[in-house]
Amino acid sequence: AVGDLHVGETSQRAYRDLFDRVHDDADVLCLCGDLVNFGKTVEVENLL
C-alpha cells in the first residue's frame, strides 16, 4: 500500500521503479489517493 505520490505535469518516470519492483514483495497493490497533484489529464497520463 502507498498513497500521496502527487505526480505532476512535469513528472517523468518518477515512480517507474516502485511499480516495477512491487511484484517482488506483494500480490496486490493498494493506491490510497492523491496519486496526482491537481487531477489534470496530463498528470494522470504521466502516472500511467
ModelCIF file with pLDDT and N, C-alpha, C, O atoms, coordinates in Angstrom:
data_MODEL
#
_entry.id   MODEL 
#
_entity.id                         1 
_entity.type                       polymer 
_entity.pdbx_number_of_molecules   1 
#
_entity_poly.entity_id                      1 
_entity_poly.type                           'polypeptide(L)' 
_entity_poly.nstd_linkage                   no 
_entity_poly.nstd_monomer                   no 
_entity_poly.pdbx_seq_one_letter_code       AVGDLHVGETSQRAYRDLFDRVHDDADVLCLCGDLVNFGKTVEVENLL 
_entity_poly.pdbx_seq_one_letter_code_can   AVGDLHVGETSQRAYRDLFDRVHDDADVLCLCGDLVNFGKTVEVENLL 
_entity_poly.pdbx_strand_id                 A 
#
loop_
_entity_poly_seq.entity_id 
_entity_poly_seq.num 
_entity_poly_seq.mon_id 
_entity_poly_seq.hetero 
1 1  ALA n 
1 2  VAL n 
1 3  GLY n 
1 4  ASP n 
1 5  LEU n 
1 6  HIS n 
1 7  VAL n 
1 8  GLY n 
1 9  GLU n 
1 10 THR n 
1 11 SER n 
1 12 GLN n 
1 13 ARG n 
1 14 ALA n 
1 15 TYR n 
1 16 ARG n 
1 17 ASP n 
1 18 LEU n 
1 19 PHE n 
1 20 ASP n 
1 21 ARG n 
1 22 VAL n 
1 23 HIS n 
1 24 ASP n 
1 25 ASP n 
1 26 ALA n 
1 27 ASP n 
1 28 VAL n 
1 29 LEU n 
1 30 CYS n 
1 31 LEU n 
1 32 CYS n 
1 33 GLY n 
1 34 ASP n 
1 35 LEU n 
1 36 VAL n 
1 37 ASN n 
1 38 PHE n 
1 39 GLY n 
1 40 LYS n 
1 41 THR n 
1 42 VAL n 
1 43 GLU n 
1 44 VAL n 
1 45 GLU n 
1 46 ASN n 
1 47 LEU n 
1 48 LEU n 
#
_struct_asym.id          A 
_struct_asym.entity_id   1 
#
loop_
_ma_qa_metric.id 
_ma_qa_metric.mode 
_ma_qa_metric.name 
_ma_qa_metric.software_group_id 
_ma_qa_metric.type 
1 global pLDDT . pLDDT 
2 local  pLDDT . pLDDT 
#
_ma_qa_metric_global.metric_id      1 
_ma_qa_metric_global.metric_value   96.79 
_ma_qa_metric_global.model_id       1 
_ma_qa_metric_global.ordinal_id     1 
#
loop_
_ma_qa_metric_local.label_asym_id 
_ma_qa_metric_local.label_comp_id 
_ma_qa_metric_local.label_seq_id 
_ma_qa_metric_local.metric_id 
_ma_qa_metric_local.metric_value 
_ma_qa_metric_local.model_id 
_ma_qa_metric_local.ordinal_id 
A ALA 1  2 98.00 1 1  
A VAL 2  2 98.00 1 2  
A GLY 3  2 98.00 1 3  
A ASP 4  2 98.00 1 4  
A LEU 5  2 98.00 1 5  
A HIS 6  2 98.00 1 6  
A VAL 7  2 98.00 1 7  
A GLY 8  2 97.00 1 8  
A GLU 9  2 95.00 1 9  
A THR 10 2 95.00 1 10 
A SER 11 2 91.00 1 11 
A GLN 12 2 89.00 1 12 
A ARG 13 2 91.00 1 13 
A ALA 14 2 94.00 1 14 
A TYR 15 2 97.00 1 15 
A ARG 16 2 96.00 1 16 
A ASP 17 2 95.00 1 17 
A LEU 18 2 97.00 1 18 
A PHE 19 2 97.00 1 19 
A ASP 20 2 96.00 1 20 
A ARG 21 2 96.00 1 21 
A VAL 22 2 98.00 1 22 
A HIS 23 2 96.00 1 23 
A ASP 24 2 97.00 1 24 
A ASP 25 2 97.00 1 25 
A ALA 26 2 98.00 1 26 
A ASP 27 2 98.00 1 27 
A VAL 28 2 98.00 1 28 
A LEU 29 2 98.00 1 29 
A CYS 30 2 98.00 1 30 
A LEU 31 2 98.00 1 31 
A CYS 32 2 98.00 1 32 
A GLY 33 2 98.00 1 33 
A ASP 34 2 98.00 1 34 
A LEU 35 2 98.00 1 35 
A VAL 36 2 98.00 1 36 
A ASN 37 2 97.00 1 37 
A PHE 38 2 98.00 1 38 
A GLY 39 2 97.00 1 39 
A LYS 40 2 97.00 1 40 
A THR 41 2 97.00 1 41 
A VAL 42 2 97.00 1 42 
A GLU 43 2 98.00 1 43 
A VAL 44 2 98.00 1 44 
A GLU 45 2 97.00 1 45 
A ASN 46 2 97.00 1 46 
A LEU 47 2 98.00 1 47 
A LEU 48 2 97.00 1 48 
#
loop_
_atom_site.group_PDB 
_atom_site.id 
_atom_site.type_symbol 
_atom_site.label_atom_id 
_atom_site.label_alt_id 
_atom_site.label_comp_id 
_atom_site.label_asym_id 
_atom_site.label_entity_id 
_atom_site.label_seq_id 
_atom_site.pdbx_PDB_ins_code 
_atom_site.Cartn_x 
_atom_site.Cartn_y 
_atom_site.Cartn_z 
_atom_site.occupancy 
_atom_site.B_iso_or_equiv 
_atom_site.pdbx_formal_charge 
_atom_site.auth_seq_id 
_atom_site.auth_comp_id 
_atom_site.auth_asym_id 
_atom_site.auth_atom_id 
_atom_site.pdbx_PDB_model_num 
ATOM 1   N N  . ALA A 1 1  ? 0.830  -1.199  0.000   1.00 98.00 ? 1  ALA A N  1 
ATOM 2   C CA . ALA A 1 1  ? 0.000  0.000   0.000   1.00 98.00 ? 1  ALA A CA 1 
ATOM 3   C C  . ALA A 1 1  ? 0.864  1.248   0.000   1.00 98.00 ? 1  ALA A C  1 
ATOM 4   O O  . ALA A 1 1  ? 1.906  1.298   0.652   1.00 98.00 ? 1  ALA A O  1 
ATOM 5   N N  . VAL A 1 2  ? 0.412  2.269   -0.749  1.00 98.00 ? 2  VAL A N  1 
ATOM 6   C CA . VAL A 1 2  ? 1.070  3.569   -0.767  1.00 98.00 ? 2  VAL A CA 1 
ATOM 7   C C  . VAL A 1 2  ? 0.053  4.603   -1.229  1.00 98.00 ? 2  VAL A C  1 
ATOM 8   O O  . VAL A 1 2  ? -0.868 4.286   -1.981  1.00 98.00 ? 2  VAL A O  1 
ATOM 9   N N  . GLY A 1 3  ? 0.223  5.823   -0.781  1.00 98.00 ? 3  GLY A N  1 
ATOM 10  C CA . GLY A 1 3  ? -0.612 6.933   -1.237  1.00 98.00 ? 3  GLY A CA 1 
ATOM 11  C C  . GLY A 1 3  ? 0.231  8.187   -1.386  1.00 98.00 ? 3  GLY A C  1 
ATOM 12  O O  . GLY A 1 3  ? 1.406  8.205   -1.021  1.00 98.00 ? 3  GLY A O  1 
ATOM 13  N N  . ASP A 1 4  ? -0.383 9.242   -1.928  1.00 98.00 ? 4  ASP A N  1 
ATOM 14  C CA . ASP A 1 4  ? 0.229  10.566  -1.983  1.00 98.00 ? 4  ASP A CA 1 
ATOM 15  C C  . ASP A 1 4  ? 1.524  10.590  -2.800  1.00 98.00 ? 4  ASP A C  1 
ATOM 16  O O  . ASP A 1 4  ? 2.561  11.061  -2.336  1.00 98.00 ? 4  ASP A O  1 
ATOM 17  N N  . LEU A 1 5  ? 1.438  10.078  -4.009  1.00 98.00 ? 5  LEU A N  1 
ATOM 18  C CA . LEU A 1 5  ? 2.568  10.164  -4.933  1.00 98.00 ? 5  LEU A CA 1 
ATOM 19  C C  . LEU A 1 5  ? 2.682  11.567  -5.537  1.00 98.00 ? 5  LEU A C  1 
ATOM 20  O O  . LEU A 1 5  ? 3.782  12.036  -5.828  1.00 98.00 ? 5  LEU A O  1 
ATOM 21  N N  . HIS A 1 6  ? 1.536  12.231  -5.722  1.00 98.00 ? 6  HIS A N  1 
ATOM 22  C CA . HIS A 1 6  ? 1.490  13.616  -6.212  1.00 98.00 ? 6  HIS A CA 1 
ATOM 23  C C  . HIS A 1 6  ? 2.280  13.804  -7.511  1.00 98.00 ? 6  HIS A C  1 
ATOM 24  O O  . HIS A 1 6  ? 3.149  14.671  -7.603  1.00 98.00 ? 6  HIS A O  1 
ATOM 25  N N  . VAL A 1 7  ? 1.968  12.990  -8.496  1.00 98.00 ? 7  VAL A N  1 
ATOM 26  C CA . VAL A 1 7  ? 2.595  13.129  -9.811  1.00 98.00 ? 7  VAL A CA 1 
ATOM 27  C C  . VAL A 1 7  ? 2.132  14.434  -10.456 1.00 98.00 ? 7  VAL A C  1 
ATOM 28  O O  . VAL A 1 7  ? 0.938  14.735  -10.468 1.00 98.00 ? 7  VAL A O  1 
ATOM 29  N N  . GLY A 1 8  ? 3.077  15.209  -10.992 1.00 97.00 ? 8  GLY A N  1 
ATOM 30  C CA . GLY A 1 8  ? 2.760  16.497  -11.590 1.00 97.00 ? 8  GLY A CA 1 
ATOM 31  C C  . GLY A 1 8  ? 2.871  16.492  -13.104 1.00 97.00 ? 8  GLY A C  1 
ATOM 32  O O  . GLY A 1 8  ? 3.125  15.461  -13.725 1.00 97.00 ? 8  GLY A O  1 
ATOM 33  N N  . GLU A 1 9  ? 2.675  17.666  -13.680 1.00 95.00 ? 9  GLU A N  1 
ATOM 34  C CA . GLU A 1 9  ? 2.702  17.805  -15.138 1.00 95.00 ? 9  GLU A CA 1 
ATOM 35  C C  . GLU A 1 9  ? 4.087  17.517  -15.712 1.00 95.00 ? 9  GLU A C  1 
ATOM 36  O O  . GLU A 1 9  ? 4.204  17.041  -16.841 1.00 95.00 ? 9  GLU A O  1 
ATOM 37  N N  . THR A 1 10 ? 5.120  17.798  -14.949 1.00 95.00 ? 10 THR A N  1 
ATOM 38  C CA . THR A 1 10 ? 6.482  17.616  -15.462 1.00 95.00 ? 10 THR A CA 1 
ATOM 39  C C  . THR A 1 10 ? 7.145  16.344  -14.947 1.00 95.00 ? 10 THR A C  1 
ATOM 40  O O  . THR A 1 10 ? 8.317  16.096  -15.229 1.00 95.00 ? 10 THR A O  1 
ATOM 41  N N  . SER A 1 11 ? 6.401  15.540  -14.194 1.00 91.00 ? 11 SER A N  1 
ATOM 42  C CA . SER A 1 11 ? 6.976  14.297  -13.664 1.00 91.00 ? 11 SER A CA 1 
ATOM 43  C C  . SER A 1 11 ? 7.286  13.335  -14.798 1.00 91.00 ? 11 SER A C  1 
ATOM 44  O O  . SER A 1 11 ? 6.446  13.109  -15.669 1.00 91.00 ? 11 SER A O  1 
ATOM 45  N N  . GLN A 1 12 ? 8.469  12.773  -14.793 1.00 89.00 ? 12 GLN A N  1 
ATOM 46  C CA . GLN A 1 12 ? 8.880  11.814  -15.811 1.00 89.00 ? 12 GLN A CA 1 
ATOM 47  C C  . GLN A 1 12 ? 9.440  10.570  -15.135 1.00 89.00 ? 12 GLN A C  1 
ATOM 48  O O  . GLN A 1 12 ? 10.538 10.594  -14.579 1.00 89.00 ? 12 GLN A O  1 
ATOM 49  N N  . ARG A 1 13 ? 8.680  9.489   -15.188 1.00 91.00 ? 13 ARG A N  1 
ATOM 50  C CA . ARG A 1 13 ? 9.104  8.198   -14.650 1.00 91.00 ? 13 ARG A CA 1 
ATOM 51  C C  . ARG A 1 13 ? 9.553  8.282   -13.187 1.00 91.00 ? 13 ARG A C  1 
ATOM 52  O O  . ARG A 1 13 ? 10.490 7.600   -12.772 1.00 91.00 ? 13 ARG A O  1 
ATOM 53  N N  . ALA A 1 14 ? 8.874  9.122   -12.423 1.00 94.00 ? 14 ALA A N  1 
ATOM 54  C CA . ALA A 1 14 ? 9.261  9.320   -11.022 1.00 94.00 ? 14 ALA A CA 1 
ATOM 55  C C  . ALA A 1 14 ? 9.052  8.065   -10.186 1.00 94.00 ? 14 ALA A C  1 
ATOM 56  O O  . ALA A 1 14 ? 9.752  7.845   -9.198  1.00 94.00 ? 14 ALA A O  1 
ATOM 57  N N  . TYR A 1 15 ? 8.074  7.233   -10.592 1.00 97.00 ? 15 TYR A N  1 
ATOM 58  C CA . TYR A 1 15 ? 7.742  6.053   -9.786  1.00 97.00 ? 15 TYR A CA 1 
ATOM 59  C C  . TYR A 1 15 ? 7.798  4.769   -10.591 1.00 97.00 ? 15 TYR A C  1 
ATOM 60  O O  . TYR A 1 15 ? 7.181  3.773   -10.213 1.00 97.00 ? 15 TYR A O  1 
ATOM 61  N N  . ARG A 1 16 ? 8.534  4.778   -11.700 1.00 96.00 ? 16 ARG A N  1 
ATOM 62  C CA . ARG A 1 16 ? 8.667  3.566   -12.513 1.00 96.00 ? 16 ARG A CA 1 
ATOM 63  C C  . ARG A 1 16 ? 9.274  2.430   -11.686 1.00 96.00 ? 16 ARG A C  1 
ATOM 64  O O  . ARG A 1 16 ? 8.829  1.287   -11.781 1.00 96.00 ? 16 ARG A O  1 
ATOM 65  N N  . ASP A 1 17 ? 10.279 2.739   -10.886 1.00 95.00 ? 17 ASP A N  1 
ATOM 66  C CA . ASP A 1 17 ? 10.936 1.703   -10.080 1.00 95.00 ? 17 ASP A CA 1 
ATOM 67  C C  . ASP A 1 17 ? 9.956  1.111   -9.070  1.00 95.00 ? 17 ASP A C  1 
ATOM 68  O O  . ASP A 1 17 ? 9.935  -0.103  -8.866  1.00 95.00 ? 17 ASP A O  1 
ATOM 69  N N  . LEU A 1 18 ? 9.156  1.948   -8.447  1.00 97.00 ? 18 LEU A N  1 
ATOM 70  C CA . LEU A 1 18 ? 8.169  1.458   -7.472  1.00 97.00 ? 18 LEU A CA 1 
ATOM 71  C C  . LEU A 1 18 ? 7.262  0.415   -8.114  1.00 97.00 ? 18 LEU A C  1 
ATOM 72  O O  . LEU A 1 18 ? 7.122  -0.693  -7.596  1.00 97.00 ? 18 LEU A O  1 
ATOM 73  N N  . PHE A 1 19 ? 6.648  0.766   -9.238  1.00 97.00 ? 19 PHE A N  1 
ATOM 74  C CA . PHE A 1 19 ? 5.691  -0.134  -9.870  1.00 97.00 ? 19 PHE A CA 1 
ATOM 75  C C  . PHE A 1 19 ? 6.363  -1.356  -10.491 1.00 97.00 ? 19 PHE A C  1 
ATOM 76  O O  . PHE A 1 19 ? 5.741  -2.407  -10.643 1.00 97.00 ? 19 PHE A O  1 
ATOM 77  N N  . ASP A 1 20 ? 7.623  -1.209  -10.844 1.00 96.00 ? 20 ASP A N  1 
ATOM 78  C CA . ASP A 1 20 ? 8.334  -2.331  -11.460 1.00 96.00 ? 20 ASP A CA 1 
ATOM 79  C C  . ASP A 1 20 ? 8.785  -3.361  -10.432 1.00 96.00 ? 20 ASP A C  1 
ATOM 80  O O  . ASP A 1 20 ? 8.919  -4.541  -10.758 1.00 96.00 ? 20 ASP A O  1 
ATOM 81  N N  . ARG A 1 21 ? 9.022  -2.928  -9.187  1.00 96.00 ? 21 ARG A N  1 
ATOM 82  C CA . ARG A 1 21 ? 9.589  -3.839  -8.204  1.00 96.00 ? 21 ARG A CA 1 
ATOM 83  C C  . ARG A 1 21 ? 8.590  -4.388  -7.195  1.00 96.00 ? 21 ARG A C  1 
ATOM 84  O O  . ARG A 1 21 ? 8.892  -5.355  -6.496  1.00 96.00 ? 21 ARG A O  1 
ATOM 85  N N  . VAL A 1 22 ? 7.404  -3.788  -7.106  1.00 98.00 ? 22 VAL A N  1 
ATOM 86  C CA . VAL A 1 22 ? 6.474  -4.161  -6.035  1.00 98.00 ? 22 VAL A CA 1 
ATOM 87  C C  . VAL A 1 22 ? 6.032  -5.619  -6.143  1.00 98.00 ? 22 VAL A C  1 
ATOM 88  O O  . VAL A 1 22 ? 5.683  -6.230  -5.133  1.00 98.00 ? 22 VAL A O  1 
ATOM 89  N N  . HIS A 1 23 ? 6.040  -6.184  -7.351  1.00 96.00 ? 23 HIS A N  1 
ATOM 90  C CA . HIS A 1 23 ? 5.606  -7.576  -7.506  1.00 96.00 ? 23 HIS A CA 1 
ATOM 91  C C  . HIS A 1 23 ? 6.547  -8.548  -6.797  1.00 96.00 ? 23 HIS A C  1 
ATOM 92  O O  . HIS A 1 23 ? 6.156  -9.676  -6.500  1.00 96.00 ? 23 HIS A O  1 
ATOM 93  N N  . ASP A 1 24 ? 7.773  -8.128  -6.525  1.00 97.00 ? 24 ASP A N  1 
ATOM 94  C CA . ASP A 1 24 ? 8.700  -8.989  -5.795  1.00 97.00 ? 24 ASP A CA 1 
ATOM 95  C C  . ASP A 1 24 ? 8.249  -9.207  -4.351  1.00 97.00 ? 24 ASP A C  1 
ATOM 96  O O  . ASP A 1 24 ? 8.579  -10.223 -3.739  1.00 97.00 ? 24 ASP A O  1 
ATOM 97  N N  . ASP A 1 25 ? 7.503  -8.261  -3.817  1.00 97.00 ? 25 ASP A N  1 
ATOM 98  C CA . ASP A 1 25 ? 7.156  -8.277  -2.400  1.00 97.00 ? 25 ASP A CA 1 
ATOM 99  C C  . ASP A 1 25 ? 5.676  -8.479  -2.111  1.00 97.00 ? 25 ASP A C  1 
ATOM 100 O O  . ASP A 1 25 ? 5.316  -8.794  -0.977  1.00 97.00 ? 25 ASP A O  1 
ATOM 101 N N  . ALA A 1 26 ? 4.809  -8.306  -3.102  1.00 98.00 ? 26 ALA A N  1 
ATOM 102 C CA . ALA A 1 26 ? 3.370  -8.292  -2.831  1.00 98.00 ? 26 ALA A CA 1 
ATOM 103 C C  . ALA A 1 26 ? 2.584  -8.959  -3.947  1.00 98.00 ? 26 ALA A C  1 
ATOM 104 O O  . ALA A 1 26 ? 3.068  -9.135  -5.065  1.00 98.00 ? 26 ALA A O  1 
ATOM 105 N N  . ASP A 1 27 ? 1.347  -9.324  -3.602  1.00 98.00 ? 27 ASP A N  1 
ATOM 106 C CA . ASP A 1 27 ? 0.422  -9.929  -4.562  1.00 98.00 ? 27 ASP A CA 1 
ATOM 107 C C  . ASP A 1 27 ? -0.608 -8.929  -5.069  1.00 98.00 ? 27 ASP A C  1 
ATOM 108 O O  . ASP A 1 27 ? -1.200 -9.128  -6.130  1.00 98.00 ? 27 ASP A O  1 
ATOM 109 N N  . VAL A 1 28 ? -0.826 -7.844  -4.307  1.00 98.00 ? 28 VAL A N  1 
ATOM 110 C CA . VAL A 1 28 ? -1.801 -6.804  -4.646  1.00 98.00 ? 28 VAL A CA 1 
ATOM 111 C C  . VAL A 1 28 ? -1.204 -5.465  -4.217  1.00 98.00 ? 28 VAL A C  1 
ATOM 112 O O  . VAL A 1 28 ? -0.510 -5.383  -3.204  1.00 98.00 ? 28 VAL A O  1 
ATOM 113 N N  . LEU A 1 29 ? -1.478 -4.420  -4.994  1.00 98.00 ? 29 LEU A N  1 
ATOM 114 C CA . LEU A 1 29 ? -1.034 -3.072  -4.644  1.00 98.00 ? 29 LEU A CA 1 
ATOM 115 C C  . LEU A 1 29 ? -2.242 -2.170  -4.413  1.00 98.00 ? 29 LEU A C  1 
ATOM 116 O O  . LEU A 1 29 ? -3.105 -2.051  -5.283  1.00 98.00 ? 29 LEU A O  1 
ATOM 117 N N  . CYS A 1 30 ? -2.305 -1.532  -3.241  1.00 98.00 ? 30 CYS A N  1 
ATOM 118 C CA . CYS A 1 30 ? -3.368 -0.594  -2.893  1.00 98.00 ? 30 CYS A CA 1 
ATOM 119 C C  . CYS A 1 30 ? -2.848 0.835   -3.065  1.00 98.00 ? 30 CYS A C  1 
ATOM 120 O O  . CYS A 1 30 ? -1.794 1.190   -2.536  1.00 98.00 ? 30 CYS A O  1 
ATOM 121 N N  . LEU A 1 31 ? -3.594 1.643   -3.805  1.00 98.00 ? 31 LEU A N  1 
ATOM 122 C CA . LEU A 1 31 ? -3.233 3.033   -4.073  1.00 98.00 ? 31 LEU A CA 1 
ATOM 123 C C  . LEU A 1 31 ? -4.220 3.941   -3.345  1.00 98.00 ? 31 LEU A C  1 
ATOM 124 O O  . LEU A 1 31 ? -5.408 3.963   -3.669  1.00 98.00 ? 31 LEU A O  1 
ATOM 125 N N  . CYS A 1 32 ? -3.721 4.692   -2.357  1.00 98.00 ? 32 CYS A N  1 
ATOM 126 C CA . CYS A 1 32 ? -4.611 5.374   -1.406  1.00 98.00 ? 32 CYS A CA 1 
ATOM 127 C C  . CYS A 1 32 ? -4.805 6.860   -1.679  1.00 98.00 ? 32 CYS A C  1 
ATOM 128 O O  . CYS A 1 32 ? -4.847 7.660   -0.745  1.00 98.00 ? 32 CYS A O  1 
ATOM 129 N N  . GLY A 1 33 ? -4.923 7.233   -2.941  1.00 98.00 ? 33 GLY A N  1 
ATOM 130 C CA . GLY A 1 33 ? -5.324 8.582   -3.299  1.00 98.00 ? 33 GLY A CA 1 
ATOM 131 C C  . GLY A 1 33 ? -4.201 9.596   -3.358  1.00 98.00 ? 33 GLY A C  1 
ATOM 132 O O  . GLY A 1 33 ? -3.077 9.328   -2.935  1.00 98.00 ? 33 GLY A O  1 
ATOM 133 N N  . ASP A 1 34 ? -4.529 10.786  -3.898  1.00 98.00 ? 34 ASP A N  1 
ATOM 134 C CA . ASP A 1 34 ? -3.560 11.839  -4.165  1.00 98.00 ? 34 ASP A CA 1 
ATOM 135 C C  . ASP A 1 34 ? -2.395 11.295  -4.974  1.00 98.00 ? 34 ASP A C  1 
ATOM 136 O O  . ASP A 1 34 ? -1.229 11.559  -4.681  1.00 98.00 ? 34 ASP A O  1 
ATOM 137 N N  . LEU A 1 35 ? -2.739 10.535  -5.990  1.00 98.00 ? 35 LEU A N  1 
ATOM 138 C CA . LEU A 1 35 ? -1.724 9.981   -6.880  1.00 98.00 ? 35 LEU A CA 1 
ATOM 139 C C  . LEU A 1 35 ? -1.178 11.057  -7.807  1.00 98.00 ? 35 LEU A C  1 
ATOM 140 O O  . LEU A 1 35 ? -0.047 10.958  -8.283  1.00 98.00 ? 35 LEU A O  1 
ATOM 141 N N  . VAL A 1 36 ? -1.998 12.105  -8.068  1.00 98.00 ? 36 VAL A N  1 
ATOM 142 C CA . VAL A 1 36 ? -1.573 13.235  -8.897  1.00 98.00 ? 36 VAL A CA 1 
ATOM 143 C C  . VAL A 1 36 ? -1.821 14.529  -8.132  1.00 98.00 ? 36 VAL A C  1 
ATOM 144 O O  . VAL A 1 36 ? -2.461 14.525  -7.080  1.00 98.00 ? 36 VAL A O  1 
ATOM 145 N N  . ASN A 1 37 ? -1.310 15.641  -8.669  1.00 97.00 ? 37 ASN A N  1 
ATOM 146 C CA . ASN A 1 37 ? -1.357 16.907  -7.936  1.00 97.00 ? 37 ASN A CA 1 
ATOM 147 C C  . ASN A 1 37 ? -2.693 17.640  -8.010  1.00 97.00 ? 37 ASN A C  1 
ATOM 148 O O  . ASN A 1 37 ? -3.201 18.111  -6.993  1.00 97.00 ? 37 ASN A O  1 
ATOM 149 N N  . PHE A 1 38 ? -3.268 17.739  -9.225  1.00 98.00 ? 38 PHE A N  1 
ATOM 150 C CA . PHE A 1 38 ? -4.457 18.557  -9.390  1.00 98.00 ? 38 PHE A CA 1 
ATOM 151 C C  . PHE A 1 38 ? -5.589 17.849  -10.136 1.00 98.00 ? 38 PHE A C  1 
ATOM 152 O O  . PHE A 1 38 ? -6.644 18.442  -10.360 1.00 98.00 ? 38 PHE A O  1 
ATOM 153 N N  . GLY A 1 39 ? -5.386 16.614  -10.515 1.00 97.00 ? 39 GLY A N  1 
ATOM 154 C CA . GLY A 1 39 ? -6.409 15.910  -11.278 1.00 97.00 ? 39 GLY A CA 1 
ATOM 155 C C  . GLY A 1 39 ? -6.416 16.263  -12.751 1.00 97.00 ? 39 GLY A C  1 
ATOM 156 O O  . GLY A 1 39 ? -7.412 16.035  -13.438 1.00 97.00 ? 39 GLY A O  1 
ATOM 157 N N  . LYS A 1 40 ? -5.309 16.820  -13.251 1.00 97.00 ? 40 LYS A N  1 
ATOM 158 C CA . LYS A 1 40 ? -5.213 17.150  -14.674 1.00 97.00 ? 40 LYS A CA 1 
ATOM 159 C C  . LYS A 1 40 ? -4.946 15.884  -15.488 1.00 97.00 ? 40 LYS A C  1 
ATOM 160 O O  . LYS A 1 40 ? -4.279 14.958  -15.028 1.00 97.00 ? 40 LYS A O  1 
ATOM 161 N N  . THR A 1 41 ? -5.478 15.870  -16.695 1.00 97.00 ? 41 THR A N  1 
ATOM 162 C CA . THR A 1 41 ? -5.312 14.698  -17.556 1.00 97.00 ? 41 THR A CA 1 
ATOM 163 C C  . THR A 1 41 ? -3.845 14.391  -17.817 1.00 97.00 ? 41 THR A C  1 
ATOM 164 O O  . THR A 1 41 ? -3.448 13.226  -17.806 1.00 97.00 ? 41 THR A O  1 
ATOM 165 N N  . VAL A 1 42 ? -3.033 15.421  -18.051 1.00 97.00 ? 42 VAL A N  1 
ATOM 166 C CA . VAL A 1 42 ? -1.618 15.193  -18.342 1.00 97.00 ? 42 VAL A CA 1 
ATOM 167 C C  . VAL A 1 42 ? -0.907 14.566  -17.143 1.00 97.00 ? 42 VAL A C  1 
ATOM 168 O O  . VAL A 1 42 ? 0.009  13.762  -17.320 1.00 97.00 ? 42 VAL A O  1 
ATOM 169 N N  . GLU A 1 43 ? -1.319 14.923  -15.935 1.00 98.00 ? 43 GLU A N  1 
ATOM 170 C CA . GLU A 1 43 ? -0.724 14.313  -14.750 1.00 98.00 ? 43 GLU A CA 1 
ATOM 171 C C  . GLU A 1 43 ? -1.049 12.828  -14.677 1.00 98.00 ? 43 GLU A C  1 
ATOM 172 O O  . GLU A 1 43 ? -0.189 12.003  -14.369 1.00 98.00 ? 43 GLU A O  1 
ATOM 173 N N  . VAL A 1 44 ? -2.301 12.503  -14.964 1.00 98.00 ? 44 VAL A N  1 
ATOM 174 C CA . VAL A 1 44 ? -2.706 11.098  -14.937 1.00 98.00 ? 44 VAL A CA 1 
ATOM 175 C C  . VAL A 1 44 ? -1.959 10.320  -16.006 1.00 98.00 ? 44 VAL A C  1 
ATOM 176 O O  . VAL A 1 44 ? -1.539 9.187   -15.769 1.00 98.00 ? 44 VAL A O  1 
ATOM 177 N N  . GLU A 1 45 ? -1.789 10.912  -17.175 1.00 97.00 ? 45 GLU A N  1 
ATOM 178 C CA . GLU A 1 45 ? -1.050 10.249  -18.246 1.00 97.00 ? 45 GLU A CA 1 
ATOM 179 C C  . GLU A 1 45 ? 0.396  9.982   -17.831 1.00 97.00 ? 45 GLU A C  1 
ATOM 180 O O  . GLU A 1 45 ? 0.950  8.930   -18.145 1.00 97.00 ? 45 GLU A O  1 
ATOM 181 N N  . ASN A 1 46 ? 0.999  10.928  -17.131 1.00 97.00 ? 46 ASN A N  1 
ATOM 182 C CA . ASN A 1 46 ? 2.368  10.707  -16.627 1.00 97.00 ? 46 ASN A CA 1 
ATOM 183 C C  . ASN A 1 46 ? 2.405  9.563   -15.623 1.00 97.00 ? 46 ASN A C  1 
ATOM 184 O O  . ASN A 1 46 ? 3.316  8.735   -15.637 1.00 97.00 ? 46 ASN A O  1 
ATOM 185 N N  . LEU A 1 47 ? 1.397  9.531   -14.749 1.00 98.00 ? 47 LEU A N  1 
ATOM 186 C CA . LEU A 1 47 ? 1.305  8.429   -13.781 1.00 98.00 ? 47 LEU A CA 1 
ATOM 187 C C  . LEU A 1 47 ? 1.154  7.096   -14.494 1.00 98.00 ? 47 LEU A C  1 
ATOM 188 O O  . LEU A 1 47 ? 1.804  6.115   -14.131 1.00 98.00 ? 47 LEU A O  1 
ATOM 189 N N  . LEU A 1 48 ? 0.302  7.058   -15.503 1.00 97.00 ? 48 LEU A N  1 
ATOM 190 C CA . LEU A 1 48 ? 0.043  5.802   -16.206 1.00 97.00 ? 48 LEU A CA 1 
ATOM 191 C C  . LEU A 1 48 ? 1.276  5.265   -16.919 1.00 97.00 ? 48 LEU A C  1 
ATOM 192 O O  . LEU A 1 48 ? 1.212  4.213   -17.554 1.00 97.00 ? 48 LEU A O  1 
#
